[in-house]
Amino acid sequence: MEKIYTKNAPDAIGPYSQAVKVNGLVFTSGQIAINPATGNVEAETIEGQTEQVCTNLKNLLEASGSSLEKAVKTVCFLADMNDFSSFNEIYGKYFTEKPARSCVAVKTLPKNVLVEVEVIAEI
């Protein structure tokens, strides 16, 4: 197992890795809308936060030798299921190969963000 780290995605905010590679797959930790340059959540809308999350995932996958196009499964967490359509619009611009996906609403996300996404991708 190889741990992945890139300065182009937010540092882990707990005792975990940004991602790990094993057996030809990369597993990302859930990414929230933290701008890695500032360490802050800067976007307040679901659209802006989804853009930041997808950018973080893109950078993390590229650092691991993969890409969004190689994603096979995503798990998406929304603070409010009323944001589902707006989330899908942005998500669909990034995940053009349409990987398998789960999307659920949760009570609260870290730093009170509106969205979190994790990815499993081929290397």
PDB file of N, CA and C in Angstrom:
ATOM      1  N   MET A   1       0.851  -1.178   0.000  1.00  0.00           N
ATOM      2  CA  MET A   1       0.000   0.000   0.000  1.00  0.00           C
ATOM      3  C   MET A   1       0.898   1.243   0.000  1.00  0.00           C
ATOM      4  N   GLU A   2       0.532   2.198  -0.855  1.00  0.00           N
ATOM      5  CA  GLU A   2       1.287   3.451  -0.948  1.00  0.00           C
ATOM      6  C   GLU A   2       0.379   4.616  -0.569  1.00  0.00           C
ATOM      7  N   LYS A   3       0.845   5.444   0.360  1.00  0.00           N
ATOM      8  CA  LYS A   3       0.091   6.635   0.747  1.00  0.00           C
ATOM      9  C   LYS A   3       0.380   7.746  -0.248  1.00  0.00           C
ATOM     10  N   ILE A   4      -0.657   8.496  -0.604  1.00  0.00           N
ATOM     11  CA  ILE A   4      -0.545   9.590  -1.572  1.00  0.00           C
ATOM     12  C   ILE A   4      -0.666  10.917  -0.827  1.00  0.00           C
ATOM     13  N   TYR A   5       0.193  11.850  -1.193  1.00  0.00           N
ATOM     14  CA  TYR A   5       0.101  13.205  -0.656  1.00  0.00           C
ATOM     15  C   TYR A   5       0.395  14.201  -1.775  1.00  0.00           C
ATOM     16  N   THR A   6      -0.398  15.255  -1.857  1.00  0.00           N
ATOM     17  CA  THR A   6      -0.128  16.365  -2.764  1.00  0.00           C
ATOM     18  C   THR A   6      -0.496  17.670  -2.075  1.00  0.00           C
ATOM     19  N   LYS A   7       0.287  18.691  -2.334  1.00  0.00           N
ATOM     20  CA  LYS A   7      -0.034  20.020  -1.793  1.00  0.00           C
ATOM     21  C   LYS A   7      -1.175  20.664  -2.577  1.00  0.00           C
ATOM     22  N   ASN A   8      -1.605  20.038  -3.684  1.00  0.00           N
ATOM     23  CA  ASN A   8      -2.685  20.571  -4.514  1.00  0.00           C
ATOM     24  C   ASN A   8      -4.070  20.087  -4.081  1.00  0.00           C
ATOM     25  N   ALA A   9      -4.118  19.433  -2.938  1.00  0.00           N
ATOM     26  CA  ALA A   9      -5.384  19.052  -2.302  1.00  0.00           C
ATOM     27  C   ALA A   9      -5.213  19.356  -0.820  1.00  0.00           C
ATOM     28  N   PRO A  10      -6.314  19.536  -0.107  1.00  0.00           N
ATOM     29  CA  PRO A  10      -6.202  19.897   1.307  1.00  0.00           C
ATOM     30  C   PRO A  10      -5.489  18.824   2.126  1.00  0.00           C
ATOM     31  N   ASP A  11      -4.740  19.264   3.123  1.00  0.00           N
ATOM     32  CA  ASP A  11      -4.155  18.328   4.075  1.00  0.00           C
ATOM     33  C   ASP A  11      -5.273  17.605   4.806  1.00  0.00           C
ATOM     34  N   ALA A  12      -4.999  16.381   5.224  1.00  0.00           N
ATOM     35  CA  ALA A  12      -5.956  15.638   6.034  1.00  0.00           C
ATOM     36  C   ALA A  12      -6.188  16.408   7.338  1.00  0.00           C
ATOM     37  N   ILE A  13      -7.430  16.459   7.779  1.00  0.00           N
ATOM     38  CA  ILE A  13      -7.739  17.175   9.016  1.00  0.00           C
ATOM     39  C   ILE A  13      -7.930  16.194  10.170  1.00  0.00           C
ATOM     40  N   GLY A  14      -7.412  14.989   9.998  1.00  0.00           N
ATOM     41  CA  GLY A  14      -7.488  13.962  11.027  1.00  0.00           C
ATOM     42  C   GLY A  14      -6.414  12.924  10.781  1.00  0.00           C
ATOM     43  N   PRO A  15      -6.460  11.806  11.502  1.00  0.00           N
ATOM     44  CA  PRO A  15      -5.439  10.766  11.372  1.00  0.00           C
ATOM     45  C   PRO A  15      -5.709   9.821  10.190  1.00  0.00           C
ATOM     46  N   TYR A  16      -5.588  10.363   8.986  1.00  0.00           N
ATOM     47  CA  TYR A  16      -5.801   9.579   7.770  1.00  0.00           C
ATOM     48  C   TYR A  16      -4.975  10.173   6.645  1.00  0.00           C
ATOM     49  N   SER A  17      -4.874   9.435   5.536  1.00  0.00           N
ATOM     50  CA  SER A  17      -4.141   9.874   4.351  1.00  0.00           C
ATOM     51  C   SER A  17      -5.091  10.528   3.366  1.00  0.00           C
ATOM     52  N   GLN A  18      -4.552  11.393   2.498  1.00  0.00           N
ATOM     53  CA  GLN A  18      -5.371  11.984   1.439  1.00  0.00           C
ATOM     54  C   GLN A  18      -5.909  10.881   0.522  1.00  0.00           C
ATOM     55  N   ALA A  19      -5.059   9.893   0.246  1.00  0.00           N
ATOM     56  CA  ALA A  19      -5.449   8.763  -0.594  1.00  0.00           C
ATOM     57  C   ALA A  19      -4.434   7.645  -0.393  1.00  0.00           C
ATOM     58  N   VAL A  20      -4.814   6.436  -0.807  1.00  0.00           N
ATOM     59  CA  VAL A  20      -3.892   5.304  -0.814  1.00  0.00           C
ATOM     60  C   VAL A  20      -4.067   4.536  -2.121  1.00  0.00           C
ATOM     61  N   LYS A  21      -2.937   3.983  -2.593  1.00  0.00           N
ATOM     62  CA  LYS A  21      -2.945   3.128  -3.779  1.00  0.00           C
ATOM     63  C   LYS A  21      -2.678   1.694  -3.343  1.00  0.00           C
ATOM     64  N   VAL A  22      -3.451   0.771  -3.898  1.00  0.00           N
ATOM     65  CA  VAL A  22      -3.269  -0.645  -3.612  1.00  0.00           C
ATOM     66  C   VAL A  22      -3.878  -1.465  -4.753  1.00  0.00           C
ATOM     67  N   ASN A  23      -3.145  -2.460  -5.221  1.00  0.00           N
ATOM     68  CA  ASN A  23      -3.649  -3.410  -6.226  1.00  0.00           C
ATOM     69  C   ASN A  23      -4.272  -2.740  -7.450  1.00  0.00           C
ATOM     70  N   GLY A  24      -3.628  -1.688  -7.965  1.00  0.00           N
ATOM     71  CA  GLY A  24      -4.091  -1.054  -9.189  1.00  0.00           C
ATOM     72  C   GLY A  24      -5.248  -0.083  -9.017  1.00  0.00           C
ATOM     73  N   LEU A  25      -5.606   0.210  -7.765  1.00  0.00           N
ATOM     74  CA  LEU A  25      -6.688   1.149  -7.491  1.00  0.00           C
ATOM     75  C   LEU A  25      -6.190   2.251  -6.568  1.00  0.00           C
ATOM     76  N   VAL A  26      -6.825   3.394  -6.655  1.00  0.00           N
ATOM     77  CA  VAL A  26      -6.584   4.473  -5.699  1.00  0.00           C
ATOM     78  C   VAL A  26      -7.900   4.762  -4.990  1.00  0.00           C
ATOM     79  N   PHE A  27      -7.811   4.891  -3.673  1.00  0.00           N
ATOM     80  CA  PHE A  27      -8.950   5.189  -2.817  1.00  0.00           C
ATOM     81  C   PHE A  27      -8.704   6.549  -2.201  1.00  0.00           C
ATOM     82  N   THR A  28      -9.540   7.535  -2.525  1.00  0.00           N
ATOM     83  CA  THR A  28      -9.362   8.859  -1.914  1.00  0.00           C
ATOM     84  C   THR A  28     -10.157   8.928  -0.624  1.00  0.00           C
ATOM     85  N   SER A  29      -9.658   9.710   0.299  1.00  0.00           N
ATOM     86  CA  SER A  29     -10.468  10.073   1.452  1.00  0.00           C
ATOM     87  C   SER A  29     -11.499  11.084   0.971  1.00  0.00           C
ATOM     88  N   GLY A  30     -12.542  11.249   1.721  1.00  0.00           N
ATOM     89  CA  GLY A  30     -13.551  12.237   1.356  1.00  0.00           C
ATOM     90  C   GLY A  30     -12.934  13.622   1.263  1.00  0.00           C
ATOM     91  N   GLN A  31     -13.248  14.313   0.193  1.00  0.00           N
ATOM     92  CA  GLN A  31     -12.742  15.669  -0.012  1.00  0.00           C
ATOM     93  C   GLN A  31     -13.870  16.664   0.213  1.00  0.00           C
ATOM     94  N   ILE A  32     -13.543  17.703   0.976  1.00  0.00           N
ATOM     95  CA  ILE A  32     -14.494  18.789   1.190  1.00  0.00           C
ATOM     96  C   ILE A  32     -13.941  20.035   0.502  1.00  0.00           C
ATOM     97  N   ALA A  33     -14.680  21.116   0.580  1.00  0.00           N
ATOM     98  CA  ALA A  33     -14.386  22.310  -0.221  1.00  0.00           C
ATOM     99  C   ALA A  33     -13.325  23.214   0.397  1.00  0.00           C
ATOM    100  N   ILE A  34     -12.251  22.623   0.876  1.00  0.00           N
ATOM    101  CA  ILE A  34     -11.140  23.416   1.390  1.00  0.00           C
ATOM    102  C   ILE A  34     -10.224  23.782   0.229  1.00  0.00           C
ATOM    103  N   ASN A  35      -9.907  25.052   0.113  1.00  0.00           N
ATOM    104  CA  ASN A  35      -8.938  25.507  -0.881  1.00  0.00           C
ATOM    105  C   ASN A  35      -7.558  25.176  -0.321  1.00  0.00           C
ATOM    106  N   PRO A  36      -6.777  24.309  -1.005  1.00  0.00           N
ATOM    107  CA  PRO A  36      -5.480  23.922  -0.456  1.00  0.00           C
ATOM    108  C   PRO A  36      -4.491  25.077  -0.347  1.00  0.00           C
ATOM    109  N   ALA A  37      -4.666  26.129  -1.126  1.00  0.00           N
ATOM    110  CA  ALA A  37      -3.754  27.277  -1.067  1.00  0.00           C
ATOM    111  C   ALA A  37      -3.932  28.079   0.219  1.00  0.00           C
ATOM    112  N   THR A  38      -5.167  28.108   0.729  1.00  0.00           N
ATOM    113  CA  THR A  38      -5.439  28.917   1.919  1.00  0.00           C
ATOM    114  C   THR A  38      -5.764  28.082   3.148  1.00  0.00           C
ATOM    115  N   GLY A  39      -6.179  26.842   2.933  1.00  0.00           N
ATOM    116  CA  GLY A  39      -6.603  25.998   4.050  1.00  0.00           C
ATOM    117  C   GLY A  39      -7.991  26.332   4.568  1.00  0.00           C
ATOM    118  N   ASN A  40      -8.727  27.134   3.795  1.00  0.00           N
ATOM    119  CA  ASN A  40     -10.062  27.577   4.223  1.00  0.00           C
ATOM    120  C   ASN A  40     -11.145  27.133   3.258  1.00  0.00           C
ATOM    121  N   VAL A  41     -12.360  27.052   3.771  1.00  0.00           N
ATOM    122  CA  VAL A  41     -13.546  26.883   2.935  1.00  0.00           C
ATOM    123  C   VAL A  41     -13.929  28.279   2.480  1.00  0.00           C
ATOM    124  N   GLU A  42     -13.830  28.529   1.186  1.00  0.00           N
ATOM    125  CA  GLU A  42     -14.071  29.885   0.684  1.00  0.00           C
ATOM    126  C   GLU A  42     -15.418  30.036  -0.012  1.00  0.00           C
ATOM    127  N   ALA A  43     -15.914  28.970  -0.629  1.00  0.00           N
ATOM    128  CA  ALA A  43     -17.194  29.038  -1.339  1.00  0.00           C
ATOM    129  C   ALA A  43     -18.334  28.794  -0.352  1.00  0.00           C
ATOM    130  N   GLU A  44     -19.411  29.528  -0.536  1.00  0.00           N
ATOM    131  CA  GLU A  44     -20.564  29.385   0.352  1.00  0.00           C
ATOM    132  C   GLU A  44     -21.726  28.657  -0.305  1.00  0.00           C
ATOM    133  N   THR A  45     -21.711  28.525  -1.633  1.00  0.00           N
ATOM    134  CA  THR A  45     -22.815  27.886  -2.346  1.00  0.00           C
ATOM    135  C   THR A  45     -22.481  26.436  -2.660  1.00  0.00           C
ATOM    136  N   ILE A  46     -23.501  25.640  -2.905  1.00  0.00           N
ATOM    137  CA  ILE A  46     -23.285  24.242  -3.287  1.00  0.00           C
ATOM    138  C   ILE A  46     -22.495  24.161  -4.583  1.00  0.00           C
ATOM    139  N   GLU A  47     -22.755  25.083  -5.513  1.00  0.00           N
ATOM    140  CA  GLU A  47     -22.037  25.071  -6.789  1.00  0.00           C
ATOM    141  C   GLU A  47     -20.544  25.349  -6.572  1.00  0.00           C
ATOM    142  N   GLY A  48     -20.237  26.374  -5.816  1.00  0.00           N
ATOM    143  CA  GLY A  48     -18.847  26.730  -5.562  1.00  0.00           C
ATOM    144  C   GLY A  48     -18.123  25.656  -4.770  1.00  0.00           C
ATOM    145  N   GLN A  49     -18.795  25.077  -3.786  1.00  0.00           N
ATOM    146  CA  GLN A  49     -18.167  24.018  -3.003  1.00  0.00           C
ATOM    147  C   GLN A  49     -17.960  22.759  -3.829  1.00  0.00           C
ATOM    148  N   THR A  50     -18.914  22.430  -4.696  1.00  0.00           N
ATOM    149  CA  THR A  50     -18.762  21.246  -5.548  1.00  0.00           C
ATOM    150  C   THR A  50     -17.594  21.439  -6.514  1.00  0.00           C
ATOM    151  N   GLU A  51     -17.446  22.637  -7.067  1.00  0.00           N
ATOM    152  CA  GLU A  51     -16.291  22.937  -7.940  1.00  0.00           C
ATOM    153  C   GLU A  51     -14.977  22.692  -7.197  1.00  0.00           C
ATOM    154  N   GLN A  52     -14.883  23.186  -5.959  1.00  0.00           N
ATOM    155  CA  GLN A  52     -13.654  23.024  -5.186  1.00  0.00           C
ATOM    156  C   GLN A  52     -13.403  21.552  -4.864  1.00  0.00           C
ATOM    157  N   VAL A  53     -14.437  20.830  -4.465  1.00  0.00           N
ATOM    158  CA  VAL A  53     -14.306  19.406  -4.161  1.00  0.00           C
ATOM    159  C   VAL A  53     -13.811  18.647  -5.393  1.00  0.00           C
ATOM    160  N   CYS A  54     -14.414  18.894  -6.543  1.00  0.00           N
ATOM    161  CA  CYS A  54     -14.030  18.184  -7.774  1.00  0.00           C
ATOM    162  C   CYS A  54     -12.607  18.555  -8.198  1.00  0.00           C
ATOM    163  N   THR A  55     -12.217  19.798  -8.022  1.00  0.00           N
ATOM    164  CA  THR A  55     -10.843  20.214  -8.317  1.00  0.00           C
ATOM    165  C   THR A  55      -9.869  19.503  -7.385  1.00  0.00           C
ATOM    166  N   ASN A  56     -10.200  19.425  -6.103  1.00  0.00           N
ATOM    167  CA  ASN A  56      -9.351  18.715  -5.145  1.00  0.00           C
ATOM    168  C   ASN A  56      -9.201  17.248  -5.538  1.00  0.00           C
ATOM    169  N   LEU A  57     -10.305  16.617  -5.915  1.00  0.00           N
ATOM    170  CA  LEU A  57     -10.259  15.211  -6.318  1.00  0.00           C
ATOM    171  C   LEU A  57      -9.438  15.026  -7.588  1.00  0.00           C
ATOM    172  N   LYS A  58      -9.611  15.912  -8.551  1.00  0.00           N
ATOM    173  CA  LYS A  58      -8.839  15.852  -9.796  1.00  0.00           C
ATOM    174  C   LYS A  58      -7.345  15.907  -9.479  1.00  0.00           C
ATOM    175  N   ASN A  59      -6.944  16.859  -8.641  1.00  0.00           N
ATOM    176  CA  ASN A  59      -5.537  17.010  -8.289  1.00  0.00           C
ATOM    177  C   ASN A  59      -5.012  15.798  -7.520  1.00  0.00           C
ATOM    178  N   LEU A  60      -5.804  15.267  -6.635  1.00  0.00           N
ATOM    179  CA  LEU A  60      -5.407  14.111  -5.849  1.00  0.00           C
ATOM    180  C   LEU A  60      -5.257  12.866  -6.722  1.00  0.00           C
ATOM    181  N   LEU A  61      -6.209  12.657  -7.626  1.00  0.00           N
ATOM    182  CA  LEU A  61      -6.117  11.510  -8.527  1.00  0.00           C
ATOM    183  C   LEU A  61      -4.916  11.630  -9.453  1.00  0.00           C
ATOM    184  N   GLU A  62      -4.671  12.825  -9.972  1.00  0.00           N
ATOM    185  CA  GLU A  62      -3.506  13.020 -10.840  1.00  0.00           C
ATOM    186  C   GLU A  62      -2.205  12.761 -10.088  1.00  0.00           C
ATOM    187  N   ALA A  63      -2.133  13.164  -8.824  1.00  0.00           N
ATOM    188  CA  ALA A  63      -0.938  12.921  -8.018  1.00  0.00           C
ATOM    189  C   ALA A  63      -0.709  11.431  -7.788  1.00  0.00           C
ATOM    190  N   SER A  64      -1.765  10.645  -7.887  1.00  0.00           N
ATOM    191  CA  SER A  64      -1.653   9.202  -7.678  1.00  0.00           C
ATOM    192  C   SER A  64      -1.428   8.440  -8.982  1.00  0.00           C
ATOM    193  N   GLY A  65      -1.395   9.166 -10.112  1.00  0.00           N
ATOM    194  CA  GLY A  65      -1.220   8.513 -11.406  1.00  0.00           C
ATOM    195  C   GLY A  65      -2.521   8.096 -12.050  1.00  0.00           C
ATOM    196  N   SER A  66      -3.618   8.636 -11.588  1.00  0.00           N
ATOM    197  CA  SER A  66      -4.938   8.317 -12.133  1.00  0.00           C
ATOM    198  C   SER A  66      -5.589   9.596 -12.643  1.00  0.00           C
ATOM    199  N   SER A  67      -6.908   9.566 -12.819  1.00  0.00           N
ATOM    200  CA  SER A  67      -7.640  10.734 -13.303  1.00  0.00           C
ATOM    201  C   SER A  67      -9.125  10.546 -13.009  1.00  0.00           C
ATOM    202  N   LEU A  68      -9.874  11.626 -13.156  1.00  0.00           N
ATOM    203  CA  LEU A  68     -11.324  11.544 -12.981  1.00  0.00           C
ATOM    204  C   LEU A  68     -11.951  10.579 -13.982  1.00  0.00           C
ATOM    205  N   GLU A  69     -11.365  10.492 -15.177  1.00  0.00           N
ATOM    206  CA  GLU A  69     -11.899   9.602 -16.209  1.00  0.00           C
ATOM    207  C   GLU A  69     -11.759   8.129 -15.832  1.00  0.00           C
ATOM    208  N   LYS A  70     -10.874   7.821 -14.893  1.00  0.00           N
ATOM    209  CA  LYS A  70     -10.656   6.434 -14.460  1.00  0.00           C
ATOM    210  C   LYS A  70     -11.428   6.090 -13.192  1.00  0.00           C
ATOM    211  N   ALA A  71     -12.265   7.003 -12.730  1.00  0.00           N
ATOM    212  CA  ALA A  71     -13.075   6.744 -11.536  1.00  0.00           C
ATOM    213  C   ALA A  71     -14.054   5.613 -11.817  1.00  0.00           C
ATOM    214  N   VAL A  72     -14.143   4.667 -10.886  1.00  0.00           N
ATOM    215  CA  VAL A  72     -15.093   3.566 -11.033  1.00  0.00           C
ATOM    216  C   VAL A  72     -16.256   3.683 -10.050  1.00  0.00           C
ATOM    217  N   LYS A  73     -16.043   4.417  -8.947  1.00  0.00           N
ATOM    218  CA  LYS A  73     -17.094   4.564  -7.932  1.00  0.00           C
ATOM    219  C   LYS A  73     -16.877   5.852  -7.159  1.00  0.00           C
ATOM    220  N   THR A  74     -17.949   6.572  -6.918  1.00  0.00           N
ATOM    221  CA  THR A  74     -17.898   7.731  -6.030  1.00  0.00           C
ATOM    222  C   THR A  74     -18.960   7.565  -4.949  1.00  0.00           C
ATOM    223  N   VAL A  75     -18.683   8.154  -3.819  1.00  0.00           N
ATOM    224  CA  VAL A  75     -19.666   8.248  -2.744  1.00  0.00           C
ATOM    225  C   VAL A  75     -19.779   9.728  -2.408  1.00  0.00           C
ATOM    226  N   CYS A  76     -20.986  10.240  -2.482  1.00  0.00           N
ATOM    227  CA  CYS A  76     -21.234  11.671  -2.329  1.00  0.00           C
ATOM    228  C   CYS A  76     -22.134  11.904  -1.120  1.00  0.00           C
ATOM    229  N   PHE A  77     -21.769  12.909  -0.342  1.00  0.00           N
ATOM    230  CA  PHE A  77     -22.520  13.267   0.852  1.00  0.00           C
ATOM    231  C   PHE A  77     -22.969  14.716   0.723  1.00  0.00           C
ATOM    232  N   LEU A  78     -24.260  14.951   0.873  1.00  0.00           N
ATOM    233  CA  LEU A  78     -24.812  16.301   0.813  1.00  0.00           C
ATOM    234  C   LEU A  78     -25.414  16.668   2.168  1.00  0.00           C
ATOM    235  N   ALA A  79     -25.219  17.899   2.578  1.00  0.00           N
ATOM    236  CA  ALA A  79     -25.835  18.366   3.813  1.00  0.00           C
ATOM    237  C   ALA A  79     -27.333  18.581   3.625  1.00  0.00           C
ATOM    238  N   ASP A  80     -27.764  18.783   2.374  1.00  0.00           N
ATOM    239  CA  ASP A  80     -29.175  19.051   2.087  1.00  0.00           C
ATOM    240  C   ASP A  80     -29.521  18.442   0.729  1.00  0.00           C
ATOM    241  N   MET A  81     -30.404  17.470   0.709  1.00  0.00           N
ATOM    242  CA  MET A  81     -30.770  16.807  -0.541  1.00  0.00           C
ATOM    243  C   MET A  81     -31.462  17.766  -1.514  1.00  0.00           C
ATOM    244  N   ASN A  82     -31.910  18.921  -1.053  1.00  0.00           N
ATOM    245  CA  ASN A  82     -32.454  19.925  -1.961  1.00  0.00           C
ATOM    246  C   ASN A  82     -31.376  20.469  -2.902  1.00  0.00           C
ATOM    247  N   ASP A  83     -30.101  20.243  -2.583  1.00  0.00           N
ATOM    248  CA  ASP A  83     -28.988  20.675  -3.435  1.00  0.00           C
ATOM    249  C   ASP A  83     -28.629  19.646  -4.503  1.00  0.00           C
ATOM    250  N   PHE A  84     -29.361  18.544  -4.563  1.00  0.00           N
ATOM    251  CA  PHE A  84     -29.031  17.425  -5.457  1.00  0.00           C
ATOM    252  C   PHE A  84     -28.883  17.859  -6.920  1.00  0.00           C
ATOM    253  N   SER A  85     -29.827  18.611  -7.447  1.00  0.00           N
ATOM    254  CA  SER A  85     -29.774  19.027  -8.862  1.00  0.00           C
ATOM    255  C   SER A  85     -28.587  19.943  -9.131  1.00  0.00           C
ATOM    256  N   SER A  86     -28.371  20.914  -8.267  1.00  0.00           N
ATOM    257  CA  SER A  86     -27.247  21.830  -8.445  1.00  0.00           C
ATOM    258  C   SER A  86     -25.921  21.086  -8.333  1.00  0.00           C
ATOM    259  N   PHE A  87     -25.832  20.164  -7.374  1.00  0.00           N
ATOM    260  CA  PHE A  87     -24.640  19.334  -7.226  1.00  0.00           C
ATOM    261  C   PHE A  87     -24.393  18.530  -8.502  1.00  0.00           C
ATOM    262  N   ASN A  88     -25.439  17.888  -9.026  1.00  0.00           N
ATOM    263  CA  ASN A  88     -25.306  17.054 -10.230  1.00  0.00           C
ATOM    264  C   ASN A  88     -24.799  17.837 -11.433  1.00  0.00           C
ATOM    265  N   GLU A  89     -25.234  19.075 -11.575  1.00  0.00           N
ATOM    266  CA  GLU A  89     -24.785  19.893 -12.711  1.00  0.00           C
ATOM    267  C   GLU A  89     -23.276  20.065 -12.711  1.00  0.00           C
ATOM    268  N   ILE A  90     -22.701  20.389 -11.570  1.00  0.00           N
ATOM    269  CA  ILE A  90     -21.254  20.593 -11.475  1.00  0.00           C
ATOM    270  C   ILE A  90     -20.531  19.248 -11.529  1.00  0.00           C
ATOM    271  N   TYR A  91     -20.984  18.278 -10.755  1.00  0.00           N
ATOM    272  CA  TYR A  91     -20.389  16.945 -10.712  1.00  0.00           C
ATOM    273  C   TYR A  91     -20.288  16.357 -12.127  1.00  0.00           C
ATOM    274  N   GLY A  92     -21.336  16.501 -12.911  1.00  0.00           N
ATOM    275  CA  GLY A  92     -21.378  15.937 -14.267  1.00  0.00           C
ATOM    276  C   GLY A  92     -20.350  16.537 -15.212  1.00  0.00           C
ATOM    277  N   LYS A  93     -19.904  17.763 -14.946  1.00  0.00           N
ATOM    278  CA  LYS A  93     -18.855  18.379 -15.778  1.00  0.00           C
ATOM    279  C   LYS A  93     -17.500  17.733 -15.528  1.00  0.00           C
ATOM    280  N   TYR A  94     -17.308  17.186 -14.349  1.00  0.00           N
ATOM    281  CA  TYR A  94     -16.029  16.577 -13.979  1.00  0.00           C
ATOM    282  C   TYR A  94     -16.012  15.066 -14.205  1.00  0.00           C
ATOM    283  N   PHE A  95     -17.083  14.381 -13.829  1.00  0.00           N
ATOM    284  CA  PHE A  95     -17.140  12.922 -13.937  1.00  0.00           C
ATOM    285  C   PHE A  95     -17.896  12.538 -15.208  1.00  0.00           C
ATOM    286  N   THR A  96     -17.258  12.789 -16.342  1.00  0.00           N
ATOM    287  CA  THR A  96     -17.889  12.599 -17.649  1.00  0.00           C
ATOM    288  C   THR A  96     -18.058  11.129 -18.030  1.00  0.00           C
ATOM    289  N   GLU A  97     -17.292  10.239 -17.401  1.00  0.00           N
ATOM    290  CA  GLU A  97     -17.403   8.807 -17.716  1.00  0.00           C
ATOM    291  C   GLU A  97     -18.484   8.113 -16.898  1.00  0.00           C
ATOM    292  N   LYS A  98     -19.162   8.859 -16.041  1.00  0.00           N
ATOM    293  CA  LYS A  98     -20.298   8.383 -15.246  1.00  0.00           C
ATOM    294  C   LYS A  98     -19.981   7.112 -14.447  1.00  0.00           C
ATOM    295  N   PRO A  99     -19.088   7.222 -13.456  1.00  0.00           N
ATOM    296  CA  PRO A  99     -18.808   6.052 -12.609  1.00  0.00           C
ATOM    297  C   PRO A  99     -20.026   5.672 -11.772  1.00  0.00           C
ATOM    298  N   ALA A 100     -19.999   4.469 -11.203  1.00  0.00           N
ATOM    299  CA  ALA A 100     -21.042   4.085 -10.246  1.00  0.00           C
ATOM    300  C   ALA A 100     -21.008   5.094  -9.103  1.00  0.00           C
ATOM    301  N   ARG A 101     -22.169   5.316  -8.474  1.00  0.00           N
ATOM    302  CA  ARG A 101     -22.218   6.378  -7.460  1.00  0.00           C
ATOM    303  C   ARG A 101     -23.302   6.119  -6.434  1.00  0.00           C
ATOM    304  N   SER A 102     -23.019   6.515  -5.222  1.00  0.00           N
ATOM    305  CA  SER A 102     -24.026   6.641  -4.165  1.00  0.00           C
ATOM    306  C   SER A 102     -24.055   8.104  -3.769  1.00  0.00           C
ATOM    307  N   CYS A 103     -25.234   8.606  -3.407  1.00  0.00           N
ATOM    308  CA  CYS A 103     -25.355   9.989  -2.962  1.00  0.00           C
ATOM    309  C   CYS A 103     -26.393  10.026  -1.853  1.00  0.00           C
ATOM    310  N   VAL A 104     -25.956  10.461  -0.685  1.00  0.00           N
ATOM    311  CA  VAL A 104     -26.850  10.492   0.463  1.00  0.00           C
ATOM    312  C   VAL A 104     -26.794  11.847   1.151  1.00  0.00           C
ATOM    313  N   ALA A 105     -27.854  12.169   1.856  1.00  0.00           N
ATOM    314  CA  ALA A 105     -27.870  13.370   2.694  1.00  0.00           C
ATOM    315  C   ALA A 105     -27.452  12.956   4.100  1.00  0.00           C
ATOM    316  N   VAL A 106     -26.660  13.810   4.715  1.00  0.00           N
ATOM    317  CA  VAL A 106     -26.179  13.552   6.075  1.00  0.00           C
ATOM    318  C   VAL A 106     -26.511  14.746   6.961  1.00  0.00           C
ATOM    319  N   LYS A 107     -26.489  14.539   8.248  1.00  0.00           N
ATOM    320  CA  LYS A 107     -26.856  15.611   9.168  1.00  0.00           C
ATOM    321  C   LYS A 107     -25.848  16.753   9.152  1.00  0.00           C
ATOM    322  N   THR A 108     -24.553  16.427   9.253  1.00  0.00           N
ATOM    323  CA  THR A 108     -23.513  17.442   9.314  1.00  0.00           C
ATOM    324  C   THR A 108     -22.249  16.901   8.678  1.00  0.00           C
ATOM    325  N   LEU A 109     -21.505  17.777   8.007  1.00  0.00           N
ATOM    326  CA  LEU A 109     -20.213  17.424   7.415  1.00  0.00           C
ATOM    327  C   LEU A 109     -19.112  18.233   8.104  1.00  0.00           C
ATOM    328  N   PRO A 110     -17.855  17.763   8.013  1.00  0.00           N
ATOM    329  CA  PRO A 110     -16.765  18.508   8.647  1.00  0.00           C
ATOM    330  C   PRO A 110     -16.745  19.968   8.198  1.00  0.00           C
ATOM    331  N   LYS A 111     -16.438  20.849   9.124  1.00  0.00           N
ATOM    332  CA  LYS A 111     -16.359  22.295   8.888  1.00  0.00           C
ATOM    333  C   LYS A 111     -17.673  22.865   8.360  1.00  0.00           C
ATOM    334  N   ASN A 112     -18.769  22.143   8.573  1.00  0.00           N
ATOM    335  CA  ASN A 112     -20.114  22.553   8.156  1.00  0.00           C
ATOM    336  C   ASN A 112     -20.222  22.836   6.658  1.00  0.00           C
ATOM    337  N   VAL A 113     -19.448  22.092   5.853  1.00  0.00           N
ATOM    338  CA  VAL A 113     -19.547  22.254   4.400  1.00  0.00           C
ATOM    339  C   VAL A 113     -20.845  21.640   3.901  1.00  0.00           C
ATOM    340  N   LEU A 114     -21.133  21.887   2.632  1.00  0.00           N
ATOM    341  CA  LEU A 114     -22.379  21.417   2.028  1.00  0.00           C
ATOM    342  C   LEU A 114     -22.225  20.096   1.294  1.00  0.00           C
ATOM    343  N   VAL A 115     -20.970  19.698   0.971  1.00  0.00           N
ATOM    344  CA  VAL A 115     -20.747  18.505   0.152  1.00  0.00           C
ATOM    345  C   VAL A 115     -19.388  17.878   0.474  1.00  0.00           C
ATOM    346  N   GLU A 116     -19.351  16.550   0.391  1.00  0.00           N
ATOM    347  CA  GLU A 116     -18.111  15.780   0.494  1.00  0.00           C
ATOM    348  C   GLU A 116     -18.204  14.641  -0.508  1.00  0.00           C
ATOM    349  N   VAL A 117     -17.080  14.334  -1.176  1.00  0.00           N
ATOM    350  CA  VAL A 117     -17.065  13.248  -2.165  1.00  0.00           C
ATOM    351  C   VAL A 117     -15.780  12.442  -1.996  1.00  0.00           C
ATOM    352  N   GLU A 118     -15.918  11.123  -2.082  1.00  0.00           N
ATOM    353  CA  GLU A 118     -14.757  10.238  -2.112  1.00  0.00           C
ATOM    354  C   GLU A 118     -14.811   9.422  -3.407  1.00  0.00           C
ATOM    355  N   VAL A 119     -13.641   8.949  -3.846  1.00  0.00           N
ATOM    356  CA  VAL A 119     -13.534   8.281  -5.148  1.00  0.00           C
ATOM    357  C   VAL A 119     -12.679   7.020  -5.034  1.00  0.00           C
ATOM    358  N   ILE A 120     -13.070   6.010  -5.788  1.00  0.00           N
ATOM    359  CA  ILE A 120     -12.228   4.846  -6.059  1.00  0.00           C
ATOM    360  C   ILE A 120     -11.975   4.889  -7.568  1.00  0.00           C
ATOM    361  N   ALA A 121     -10.698   4.813  -7.956  1.00  0.00           N
ATOM    362  CA  ALA A 121     -10.351   4.907  -9.384  1.00  0.00           C
ATOM    363  C   ALA A 121      -9.259   3.908  -9.742  1.00  0.00           C
ATOM    364  N   GLU A 122      -9.232   3.530 -11.009  1.00  0.00           N
ATOM    365  CA  GLU A 122      -8.138   2.720 -11.537  1.00  0.00           C
ATOM    366  C   GLU A 122      -6.901   3.599 -11.689  1.00  0.00           C
ATOM    367  N   ILE A 123      -5.759   2.969 -11.591  1.00  0.00           N
ATOM    368  CA  ILE A 123      -4.505   3.719 -11.796  1.00  0.00           C
ATOM    369  C   ILE A 123      -4.111   3.597 -13.265  1.00  0.00           C
TER     370      ILE A 123
END
